[in-house]
Amino acid sequence: MEADAQQVSGVWKASAMTWTLPEPILTAPVPGPDLPPGSAAEPKRDGYRAQLARYADGRVLLCSRQGTDMTAAFPEIRWVALRSEYQAPPNRSNDKLIP
C-alpha cells in the first residue's frame, strides 16, 4: 500500500506499548564455509545460549533460545542482575552464552 504525505497527514496519537522479549535467531547448518555477502556468523561454543531480561518492576527472567525459563537453574546470574551496581536499564534484554 502506498500513500503520500497529504494522505497520511494529521495528528498521530501514541498508544501504550507492551514490551516482550525478542525472539532469538536459531542456528541453521550451511552447505559450506563461505557466507553470502551481508551475512555474519559466530562459532558454536559449549554452553547455554540465553537471554537475560530485567523488568522495571524488578523481575529477572533468564530464558533459553526456545523460551524455556532457566532462572531457577542459575540463581547466581539472577542475583547479579538484581544487584544495584550491576543493573542494566530496565525493560532490556541481553543475549549471551552461559559457559
PDB file of N, CA and C in Angstrom:
ATOM      1  N   MET A   1       0.852  -1.179   0.000  1.00  0.00           N
ATOM      2  CA  MET A   1       0.000   0.000   0.000  1.00  0.00           C
ATOM      3  C   MET A   1       0.892   1.234   0.000  1.00  0.00           C
ATOM      4  N   GLU A   2       0.643   2.125  -0.905  1.00  0.00           N
ATOM      5  CA  GLU A   2       1.417   3.352  -0.988  1.00  0.00           C
ATOM      6  C   GLU A   2       0.538   4.537  -0.605  1.00  0.00           C
ATOM      7  N   ALA A   3       1.147   5.522   0.033  1.00  0.00           N
ATOM      8  CA  ALA A   3       0.429   6.735   0.416  1.00  0.00           C
ATOM      9  C   ALA A   3       1.409   7.890   0.404  1.00  0.00           C
ATOM     10  N   ASP A   4       0.917   9.073   0.056  1.00  0.00           N
ATOM     11  CA  ASP A   4       1.802  10.233   0.113  1.00  0.00           C
ATOM     12  C   ASP A   4       1.545  11.002   1.408  1.00  0.00           C
ATOM     13  N   ALA A   5       2.349  12.017   1.657  1.00  0.00           N
ATOM     14  CA  ALA A   5       2.291  12.760   2.913  1.00  0.00           C
ATOM     15  C   ALA A   5       0.927  13.413   3.132  1.00  0.00           C
ATOM     16  N   GLN A   6       0.276  13.884   2.068  1.00  0.00           N
ATOM     17  CA  GLN A   6      -1.031  14.521   2.228  1.00  0.00           C
ATOM     18  C   GLN A   6      -2.094  13.515   2.663  1.00  0.00           C
ATOM     19  N   GLN A   7      -1.959  12.272   2.230  1.00  0.00           N
ATOM     20  CA  GLN A   7      -2.947  11.260   2.598  1.00  0.00           C
ATOM     21  C   GLN A   7      -2.826  10.853   4.065  1.00  0.00           C
ATOM     22  N   VAL A   8      -1.626  10.913   4.622  1.00  0.00           N
ATOM     23  CA  VAL A   8      -1.428  10.439   5.990  1.00  0.00           C
ATOM     24  C   VAL A   8      -1.210  11.568   6.989  1.00  0.00           C
ATOM     25  N   SER A   9      -1.303  12.825   6.540  1.00  0.00           N
ATOM     26  CA  SER A   9      -1.076  13.932   7.469  1.00  0.00           C
ATOM     27  C   SER A   9      -2.217  14.012   8.467  1.00  0.00           C
ATOM     28  N   GLY A  10      -1.917  14.560   9.603  1.00  0.00           N
ATOM     29  CA  GLY A  10      -2.899  14.673  10.663  1.00  0.00           C
ATOM     30  C   GLY A  10      -2.214  14.484  12.000  1.00  0.00           C
ATOM     31  N   VAL A  11      -2.993  14.284  13.019  1.00  0.00           N
ATOM     32  CA  VAL A  11      -2.450  14.127  14.361  1.00  0.00           C
ATOM     33  C   VAL A  11      -2.235  12.646  14.627  1.00  0.00           C
ATOM     34  N   TRP A  12      -1.037  12.329  15.066  1.00  0.00           N
ATOM     35  CA  TRP A  12      -0.711  10.940  15.419  1.00  0.00           C
ATOM     36  C   TRP A  12      -0.724  10.819  16.923  1.00  0.00           C
ATOM     37  N   LYS A  13      -1.441   9.844  17.434  1.00  0.00           N
ATOM     38  CA  LYS A  13      -1.524   9.638  18.874  1.00  0.00           C
ATOM     39  C   LYS A  13      -0.859   8.313  19.216  1.00  0.00           C
ATOM     40  N   ALA A  14       0.101   8.393  20.119  1.00  0.00           N
ATOM     41  CA  ALA A  14       0.794   7.183  20.557  1.00  0.00           C
ATOM     42  C   ALA A  14      -0.093   6.415  21.523  1.00  0.00           C
ATOM     43  N   SER A  15       0.047   5.121  21.513  1.00  0.00           N
ATOM     44  CA  SER A  15      -0.682   4.289  22.470  1.00  0.00           C
ATOM     45  C   SER A  15       0.331   3.521  23.307  1.00  0.00           C
ATOM     46  N   ALA A  16      -0.122   2.964  24.403  1.00  0.00           N
ATOM     47  CA  ALA A  16       0.768   2.205  25.286  1.00  0.00           C
ATOM     48  C   ALA A  16       1.318   0.994  24.544  1.00  0.00           C
ATOM     49  N   MET A  17       2.581   0.702  24.796  1.00  0.00           N
ATOM     50  CA  MET A  17       3.219  -0.444  24.153  1.00  0.00           C
ATOM     51  C   MET A  17       3.451  -1.543  25.177  1.00  0.00           C
ATOM     52  N   THR A  18       3.328  -2.763  24.737  1.00  0.00           N
ATOM     53  CA  THR A  18       3.635  -3.914  25.578  1.00  0.00           C
ATOM     54  C   THR A  18       5.028  -4.384  25.218  1.00  0.00           C
ATOM     55  N   TRP A  19       5.890  -4.508  26.222  1.00  0.00           N
ATOM     56  CA  TRP A  19       7.273  -4.919  25.997  1.00  0.00           C
ATOM     57  C   TRP A  19       7.386  -6.420  26.155  1.00  0.00           C
ATOM     58  N   THR A  20       7.975  -7.092  25.188  1.00  0.00           N
ATOM     59  CA  THR A  20       8.198  -8.536  25.264  1.00  0.00           C
ATOM     60  C   THR A  20       9.635  -8.837  24.875  1.00  0.00           C
ATOM     61  N   LEU A  21      10.104 -10.020  25.243  1.00  0.00           N
ATOM     62  CA  LEU A  21      11.451 -10.427  24.861  1.00  0.00           C
ATOM     63  C   LEU A  21      11.527 -10.625  23.357  1.00  0.00           C
ATOM     64  N   PRO A  22      12.632 -10.242  22.740  1.00  0.00           N
ATOM     65  CA  PRO A  22      12.786 -10.506  21.310  1.00  0.00           C
ATOM     66  C   PRO A  22      12.962 -11.998  21.069  1.00  0.00           C
ATOM     67  N   GLU A  23      12.576 -12.447  19.910  1.00  0.00           N
ATOM     68  CA  GLU A  23      12.750 -13.851  19.555  1.00  0.00           C
ATOM     69  C   GLU A  23      14.200 -14.075  19.127  1.00  0.00           C
ATOM     70  N   PRO A  24      14.859 -15.104  19.672  1.00  0.00           N
ATOM     71  CA  PRO A  24      16.235 -15.375  19.254  1.00  0.00           C
ATOM     72  C   PRO A  24      16.273 -15.963  17.847  1.00  0.00           C
ATOM     73  N   ILE A  25      17.388 -15.772  17.194  1.00  0.00           N
ATOM     74  CA  ILE A  25      17.582 -16.355  15.870  1.00  0.00           C
ATOM     75  C   ILE A  25      18.203 -17.727  16.070  1.00  0.00           C
ATOM     76  N   LEU A  26      17.521 -18.761  15.598  1.00  0.00           N
ATOM     77  CA  LEU A  26      18.024 -20.117  15.761  1.00  0.00           C
ATOM     78  C   LEU A  26      19.062 -20.425  14.691  1.00  0.00           C
ATOM     79  N   THR A  27      19.990 -21.285  15.041  1.00  0.00           N
ATOM     80  CA  THR A  27      21.051 -21.643  14.110  1.00  0.00           C
ATOM     81  C   THR A  27      20.524 -22.571  13.029  1.00  0.00           C
ATOM     82  N   ALA A  28      21.223 -22.590  11.913  1.00  0.00           N
ATOM     83  CA  ALA A  28      20.892 -23.482  10.805  1.00  0.00           C
ATOM     84  C   ALA A  28      22.189 -23.880  10.113  1.00  0.00           C
ATOM     85  N   PRO A  29      22.314 -25.147   9.720  1.00  0.00           N
ATOM     86  CA  PRO A  29      23.537 -25.567   9.034  1.00  0.00           C
ATOM     87  C   PRO A  29      23.639 -24.922   7.648  1.00  0.00           C
ATOM     88  N   VAL A  30      24.863 -24.741   7.190  1.00  0.00           N
ATOM     89  CA  VAL A  30      25.108 -24.207   5.852  1.00  0.00           C
ATOM     90  C   VAL A  30      25.918 -25.232   5.066  1.00  0.00           C
ATOM     91  N   PRO A  31      25.798 -25.237   3.744  1.00  0.00           N
ATOM     92  CA  PRO A  31      26.479 -26.261   2.949  1.00  0.00           C
ATOM     93  C   PRO A  31      27.999 -26.115   2.893  1.00  0.00           C
ATOM     94  N   GLY A  32      28.535 -24.940   3.161  1.00  0.00           N
ATOM     95  CA  GLY A  32      29.977 -24.753   3.074  1.00  0.00           C
ATOM     96  C   GLY A  32      30.437 -23.608   3.952  1.00  0.00           C
ATOM     97  N   PRO A  33      31.750 -23.371   4.007  1.00  0.00           N
ATOM     98  CA  PRO A  33      32.282 -22.335   4.895  1.00  0.00           C
ATOM     99  C   PRO A  33      32.089 -20.905   4.388  1.00  0.00           C
ATOM    100  N   ASP A  34      31.768 -20.729   3.115  1.00  0.00           N
ATOM    101  CA  ASP A  34      31.613 -19.384   2.562  1.00  0.00           C
ATOM    102  C   ASP A  34      30.236 -18.826   2.904  1.00  0.00           C
ATOM    103  N   LEU A  35      30.215 -17.588   3.379  1.00  0.00           N
ATOM    104  CA  LEU A  35      28.962 -16.924   3.725  1.00  0.00           C
ATOM    105  C   LEU A  35      28.539 -15.985   2.608  1.00  0.00           C
ATOM    106  N   PRO A  36      27.241 -15.865   2.396  1.00  0.00           N
ATOM    107  CA  PRO A  36      26.772 -14.894   1.409  1.00  0.00           C
ATOM    108  C   PRO A  36      27.109 -13.471   1.864  1.00  0.00           C
ATOM    109  N   PRO A  37      27.241 -12.532   0.934  1.00  0.00           N
ATOM    110  CA  PRO A  37      27.512 -11.144   1.309  1.00  0.00           C
ATOM    111  C   PRO A  37      26.451 -10.620   2.276  1.00  0.00           C
ATOM    112  N   GLY A  38      26.886  -9.864   3.264  1.00  0.00           N
ATOM    113  CA  GLY A  38      25.977  -9.297   4.244  1.00  0.00           C
ATOM    114  C   GLY A  38      25.621 -10.236   5.383  1.00  0.00           C
ATOM    115  N   SER A  39      26.203 -11.431   5.403  1.00  0.00           N
ATOM    116  CA  SER A  39      25.920 -12.400   6.465  1.00  0.00           C
ATOM    117  C   SER A  39      26.970 -12.310   7.558  1.00  0.00           C
ATOM    118  N   ALA A  40      26.630 -12.807   8.722  1.00  0.00           N
ATOM    119  CA  ALA A  40      27.564 -12.868   9.843  1.00  0.00           C
ATOM    120  C   ALA A  40      27.395 -14.215  10.524  1.00  0.00           C
ATOM    121  N   ALA A  41      28.453 -14.682  11.159  1.00  0.00           N
ATOM    122  CA  ALA A  41      28.394 -15.963  11.862  1.00  0.00           C
ATOM    123  C   ALA A  41      29.297 -15.902  13.075  1.00  0.00           C
ATOM    124  N   GLU A  42      29.022 -16.750  14.044  1.00  0.00           N
ATOM    125  CA  GLU A  42      29.913 -16.891  15.187  1.00  0.00           C
ATOM    126  C   GLU A  42      30.008 -18.373  15.505  1.00  0.00           C
ATOM    127  N   PRO A  43      31.161 -18.817  16.001  1.00  0.00           N
ATOM    128  CA  PRO A  43      31.327 -20.248  16.278  1.00  0.00           C
ATOM    129  C   PRO A  43      30.448 -20.696  17.440  1.00  0.00           C
ATOM    130  N   LYS A  44      30.044 -21.956  17.395  1.00  0.00           N
ATOM    131  CA  LYS A  44      29.264 -22.540  18.491  1.00  0.00           C
ATOM    132  C   LYS A  44      30.229 -22.978  19.571  1.00  0.00           C
ATOM    133  N   ARG A  45      30.015 -22.492  20.773  1.00  0.00           N
ATOM    134  CA  ARG A  45      30.830 -22.886  21.918  1.00  0.00           C
ATOM    135  C   ARG A  45      29.958 -23.690  22.861  1.00  0.00           C
ATOM    136  N   ASP A  46      30.591 -24.497  23.701  1.00  0.00           N
ATOM    137  CA  ASP A  46      29.829 -25.258  24.686  1.00  0.00           C
ATOM    138  C   ASP A  46      29.201 -24.305  25.684  1.00  0.00           C
ATOM    139  N   GLY A  47      27.963 -24.541  26.017  1.00  0.00           N
ATOM    140  CA  GLY A  47      27.253 -23.710  26.976  1.00  0.00           C
ATOM    141  C   GLY A  47      25.803 -23.552  26.582  1.00  0.00           C
ATOM    142  N   TYR A  48      25.098 -22.727  27.328  1.00  0.00           N
ATOM    143  CA  TYR A  48      23.689 -22.449  27.071  1.00  0.00           C
ATOM    144  C   TYR A  48      23.558 -21.054  26.492  1.00  0.00           C
ATOM    145  N   ARG A  49      22.812 -20.934  25.433  1.00  0.00           N
ATOM    146  CA  ARG A  49      22.500 -19.619  24.880  1.00  0.00           C
ATOM    147  C   ARG A  49      21.277 -19.117  25.631  1.00  0.00           C
ATOM    148  N   ALA A  50      21.344 -17.930  26.179  1.00  0.00           N
ATOM    149  CA  ALA A  50      20.235 -17.449  27.000  1.00  0.00           C
ATOM    150  C   ALA A  50      20.048 -15.948  26.851  1.00  0.00           C
ATOM    151  N   GLN A  51      18.833 -15.521  27.121  1.00  0.00           N
ATOM    152  CA  GLN A  51      18.503 -14.101  27.179  1.00  0.00           C
ATOM    153  C   GLN A  51      18.191 -13.747  28.619  1.00  0.00           C
ATOM    154  N   LEU A  52      18.773 -12.659  29.079  1.00  0.00           N
ATOM    155  CA  LEU A  52      18.507 -12.153  30.420  1.00  0.00           C
ATOM    156  C   LEU A  52      17.684 -10.882  30.281  1.00  0.00           C
ATOM    157  N   ALA A  53      16.543 -10.850  30.941  1.00  0.00           N
ATOM    158  CA  ALA A  53      15.695  -9.655  30.915  1.00  0.00           C
ATOM    159  C   ALA A  53      15.469  -9.191  32.339  1.00  0.00           C
ATOM    160  N   ARG A  54      15.607  -7.891  32.560  1.00  0.00           N
ATOM    161  CA  ARG A  54      15.295  -7.292  33.857  1.00  0.00           C
ATOM    162  C   ARG A  54      14.187  -6.283  33.621  1.00  0.00           C
ATOM    163  N   TYR A  55      13.050  -6.536  34.249  1.00  0.00           N
ATOM    164  CA  TYR A  55      11.873  -5.700  34.060  1.00  0.00           C
ATOM    165  C   TYR A  55      11.882  -4.526  35.035  1.00  0.00           C
ATOM    166  N   ALA A  56      11.142  -3.490  34.702  1.00  0.00           N
ATOM    167  CA  ALA A  56      11.074  -2.288  35.539  1.00  0.00           C
ATOM    168  C   ALA A  56      10.510  -2.590  36.924  1.00  0.00           C
ATOM    169  N   ASP A  57       9.679  -3.633  37.036  1.00  0.00           N
ATOM    170  CA  ASP A  57       9.100  -3.974  38.341  1.00  0.00           C
ATOM    171  C   ASP A  57      10.042  -4.828  39.194  1.00  0.00           C
ATOM    172  N   GLY A  58      11.274  -5.090  38.700  1.00  0.00           N
ATOM    173  CA  GLY A  58      12.268  -5.820  39.480  1.00  0.00           C
ATOM    174  C   GLY A  58      12.398  -7.289  39.139  1.00  0.00           C
ATOM    175  N   ARG A  59      11.492  -7.823  38.333  1.00  0.00           N
ATOM    176  CA  ARG A  59      11.606  -9.235  37.959  1.00  0.00           C
ATOM    177  C   ARG A  59      12.813  -9.447  37.057  1.00  0.00           C
ATOM    178  N   VAL A  60      13.419 -10.624  37.187  1.00  0.00           N
ATOM    179  CA  VAL A  60      14.519 -11.032  36.319  1.00  0.00           C
ATOM    180  C   VAL A  60      14.114 -12.344  35.673  1.00  0.00           C
ATOM    181  N   LEU A  61      14.326 -12.474  34.380  1.00  0.00           N
ATOM    182  CA  LEU A  61      13.973 -13.682  33.657  1.00  0.00           C
ATOM    183  C   LEU A  61      15.151 -14.094  32.790  1.00  0.00           C
ATOM    184  N   LEU A  62      15.551 -15.347  32.914  1.00  0.00           N
ATOM    185  CA  LEU A  62      16.611 -15.923  32.095  1.00  0.00           C
ATOM    186  C   LEU A  62      15.971 -17.022  31.262  1.00  0.00           C
ATOM    187  N   CYS A  63      15.958 -16.866  29.936  1.00  0.00           N
ATOM    188  CA  CYS A  63      15.272 -17.809  29.044  1.00  0.00           C
ATOM    189  C   CYS A  63      16.243 -18.430  28.058  1.00  0.00           C
ATOM    190  N   SER A  64      15.978 -19.696  27.721  1.00  0.00           N
ATOM    191  CA  SER A  64      16.740 -20.354  26.665  1.00  0.00           C
ATOM    192  C   SER A  64      16.286 -19.816  25.315  1.00  0.00           C
ATOM    193  N   ARG A  65      16.983 -20.194  24.260  1.00  0.00           N
ATOM    194  CA  ARG A  65      16.588 -19.720  22.934  1.00  0.00           C
ATOM    195  C   ARG A  65      15.253 -20.308  22.494  1.00  0.00           C
ATOM    196  N   GLN A  66      14.807 -21.376  23.157  1.00  0.00           N
ATOM    197  CA  GLN A  66      13.494 -21.962  22.876  1.00  0.00           C
ATOM    198  C   GLN A  66      12.400 -21.343  23.742  1.00  0.00           C
ATOM    199  N   GLY A  67      12.776 -20.427  24.663  1.00  0.00           N
ATOM    200  CA  GLY A  67      11.805 -19.764  25.516  1.00  0.00           C
ATOM    201  C   GLY A  67      11.605 -20.415  26.870  1.00  0.00           C
ATOM    202  N   THR A  68      12.413 -21.438  27.201  1.00  0.00           N
ATOM    203  CA  THR A  68      12.303 -22.112  28.493  1.00  0.00           C
ATOM    204  C   THR A  68      12.869 -21.220  29.591  1.00  0.00           C
ATOM    205  N   ASP A  69      12.138 -21.086  30.699  1.00  0.00           N
ATOM    206  CA  ASP A  69      12.599 -20.288  31.835  1.00  0.00           C
ATOM    207  C   ASP A  69      13.730 -21.035  32.537  1.00  0.00           C
ATOM    208  N   MET A  70      14.934 -20.456  32.537  1.00  0.00           N
ATOM    209  CA  MET A  70      16.119 -21.065  33.148  1.00  0.00           C
ATOM    210  C   MET A  70      16.550 -20.320  34.408  1.00  0.00           C
ATOM    211  N   THR A  71      15.744 -19.396  34.900  1.00  0.00           N
ATOM    212  CA  THR A  71      16.126 -18.539  36.016  1.00  0.00           C
ATOM    213  C   THR A  71      16.492 -19.344  37.257  1.00  0.00           C
ATOM    214  N   ALA A  72      15.700 -20.353  37.598  1.00  0.00           N
ATOM    215  CA  ALA A  72      15.957 -21.145  38.812  1.00  0.00           C
ATOM    216  C   ALA A  72      17.243 -21.960  38.707  1.00  0.00           C
ATOM    217  N   ALA A  73      17.652 -22.323  37.507  1.00  0.00           N
ATOM    218  CA  ALA A  73      18.865 -23.127  37.318  1.00  0.00           C
ATOM    219  C   ALA A  73      20.140 -22.308  37.497  1.00  0.00           C
ATOM    220  N   PHE A  74      20.046 -20.987  37.406  1.00  0.00           N
ATOM    221  CA  PHE A  74      21.214 -20.117  37.515  1.00  0.00           C
ATOM    222  C   PHE A  74      20.937 -18.993  38.510  1.00  0.00           C
ATOM    223  N   PRO A  75      20.783 -19.312  39.810  1.00  0.00           N
ATOM    224  CA  PRO A  75      20.455 -18.275  40.797  1.00  0.00           C
ATOM    225  C   PRO A  75      21.531 -17.201  40.918  1.00  0.00           C
ATOM    226  N   GLU A  76      22.788 -17.561  40.631  1.00  0.00           N
ATOM    227  CA  GLU A  76      23.860 -16.569  40.736  1.00  0.00           C
ATOM    228  C   GLU A  76      23.725 -15.483  39.673  1.00  0.00           C
ATOM    229  N   ILE A  77      23.226 -15.836  38.502  1.00  0.00           N
ATOM    230  CA  ILE A  77      23.024 -14.837  37.447  1.00  0.00           C
ATOM    231  C   ILE A  77      21.873 -13.903  37.838  1.00  0.00           C
ATOM    232  N   ARG A  78      20.809 -14.477  38.389  1.00  0.00           N
ATOM    233  CA  ARG A  78      19.687 -13.661  38.865  1.00  0.00           C
ATOM    234  C   ARG A  78      20.158 -12.707  39.963  1.00  0.00           C
ATOM    235  N   TRP A  79      20.974 -13.209  40.878  1.00  0.00           N
ATOM    236  CA  TRP A  79      21.482 -12.402  41.989  1.00  0.00           C
ATOM    237  C   TRP A  79      22.276 -11.204  41.463  1.00  0.00           C
ATOM    238  N   VAL A  80      23.164 -11.450  40.505  1.00  0.00           N
ATOM    239  CA  VAL A  80      23.967 -10.356  39.939  1.00  0.00           C
ATOM    240  C   VAL A  80      23.060  -9.356  39.215  1.00  0.00           C
ATOM    241  N   ALA A  81      22.068  -9.857  38.485  1.00  0.00           N
ATOM    242  CA  ALA A  81      21.159  -8.960  37.755  1.00  0.00           C
ATOM    243  C   ALA A  81      20.365  -8.062  38.702  1.00  0.00           C
ATOM    244  N   LEU A  82      20.113  -8.541  39.922  1.00  0.00           N
ATOM    245  CA  LEU A  82      19.354  -7.752  40.898  1.00  0.00           C
ATOM    246  C   LEU A  82      20.214  -6.771  41.686  1.00  0.00           C
ATOM    247  N   ARG A  83      21.529  -6.975  41.700  1.00  0.00           N
ATOM    248  CA  ARG A  83      22.420  -6.084  42.449  1.00  0.00           C
ATOM    249  C   ARG A  83      22.412  -4.711  41.803  1.00  0.00           C
ATOM    250  N   SER A  84      22.262  -3.686  42.598  1.00  0.00           N
ATOM    251  CA  SER A  84      22.100  -2.338  42.051  1.00  0.00           C
ATOM    252  C   SER A  84      23.294  -1.877  41.225  1.00  0.00           C
ATOM    253  N   GLU A  85      24.523  -2.242  41.625  1.00  0.00           N
ATOM    254  CA  GLU A  85      25.680  -1.750  40.871  1.00  0.00           C
ATOM    255  C   GLU A  85      25.856  -2.446  39.523  1.00  0.00           C
ATOM    256  N   TYR A  86      25.127  -3.554  39.295  1.00  0.00           N
ATOM    257  CA  TYR A  86      25.231  -4.270  38.025  1.00  0.00           C
ATOM    258  C   TYR A  86      24.003  -4.100  37.150  1.00  0.00           C
ATOM    259  N   GLN A  87      23.019  -3.366  37.593  1.00  0.00           N
ATOM    260  CA  GLN A  87      21.756  -3.308  36.867  1.00  0.00           C
ATOM    261  C   GLN A  87      21.871  -2.533  35.568  1.00  0.00           C
ATOM    262  N   ALA A  88      21.430  -3.194  34.521  1.00  0.00           N
ATOM    263  CA  ALA A  88      21.266  -2.522  33.242  1.00  0.00           C
ATOM    264  C   ALA A  88      19.938  -1.776  33.299  1.00  0.00           C
ATOM    265  N   PRO A  89      19.687  -0.900  32.359  1.00  0.00           N
ATOM    266  CA  PRO A  89      18.396  -0.220  32.356  1.00  0.00           C
ATOM    267  C   PRO A  89      17.253  -1.235  32.319  1.00  0.00           C
ATOM    268  N   PRO A  90      16.126  -0.941  32.983  1.00  0.00           N
ATOM    269  CA  PRO A  90      15.009  -1.892  32.973  1.00  0.00           C
ATOM    270  C   PRO A  90      14.407  -2.044  31.585  1.00  0.00           C
ATOM    271  N   ASN A  91      13.674  -3.119  31.415  1.00  0.00           N
ATOM    272  CA  ASN A  91      12.999  -3.446  30.159  1.00  0.00           C
ATOM    273  C   ASN A  91      13.978  -3.580  28.998  1.00  0.00           C
ATOM    274  N   ARG A  92      15.094  -4.218  29.285  1.00  0.00           N
ATOM    275  CA  ARG A  92      16.098  -4.525  28.268  1.00  0.00           C
ATOM    276  C   ARG A  92      16.443  -5.996  28.376  1.00  0.00           C
ATOM    277  N   SER A  93      16.955  -6.558  27.318  1.00  0.00           N
ATOM    278  CA  SER A  93      17.409  -7.943  27.384  1.00  0.00           C
ATOM    279  C   SER A  93      18.798  -8.045  26.778  1.00  0.00           C
ATOM    280  N   ASN A  94      19.535  -9.056  27.225  1.00  0.00           N
ATOM    281  CA  ASN A  94      20.864  -9.343  26.704  1.00  0.00           C
ATOM    282  C   ASN A  94      20.898 -10.797  26.281  1.00  0.00           C
ATOM    283  N   ASP A  95      21.486 -11.070  25.137  1.00  0.00           N
ATOM    284  CA  ASP A  95      21.606 -12.423  24.608  1.00  0.00           C
ATOM    285  C   ASP A  95      23.056 -12.849  24.777  1.00  0.00           C
ATOM    286  N   LYS A  96      23.308 -13.859  25.622  1.00  0.00           N
ATOM    287  CA  LYS A  96      24.677 -14.278  25.929  1.00  0.00           C
ATOM    288  C   LYS A  96      24.784 -15.793  25.985  1.00  0.00           C
ATOM    289  N   LEU A  97      26.023 -16.264  26.023  1.00  0.00           N
ATOM    290  CA  LEU A  97      26.325 -17.684  26.190  1.00  0.00           C
ATOM    291  C   LEU A  97      26.744 -17.911  27.629  1.00  0.00           C
ATOM    292  N   ILE A  98      26.095 -18.860  28.317  1.00  0.00           N
ATOM    293  CA  ILE A  98      26.457 -19.211  29.690  1.00  0.00           C
ATOM    294  C   ILE A  98      27.362 -20.430  29.618  1.00  0.00           C
ATOM    295  N   PRO A  99      28.643 -20.297  29.996  1.00  0.00           N
ATOM    296  CA  PRO A  99      29.567 -21.443  29.886  1.00  0.00           C
ATOM    297  C   PRO A  99      29.229 -22.553  30.861  1.00  0.00           C
TER     298      PRO A  99
END
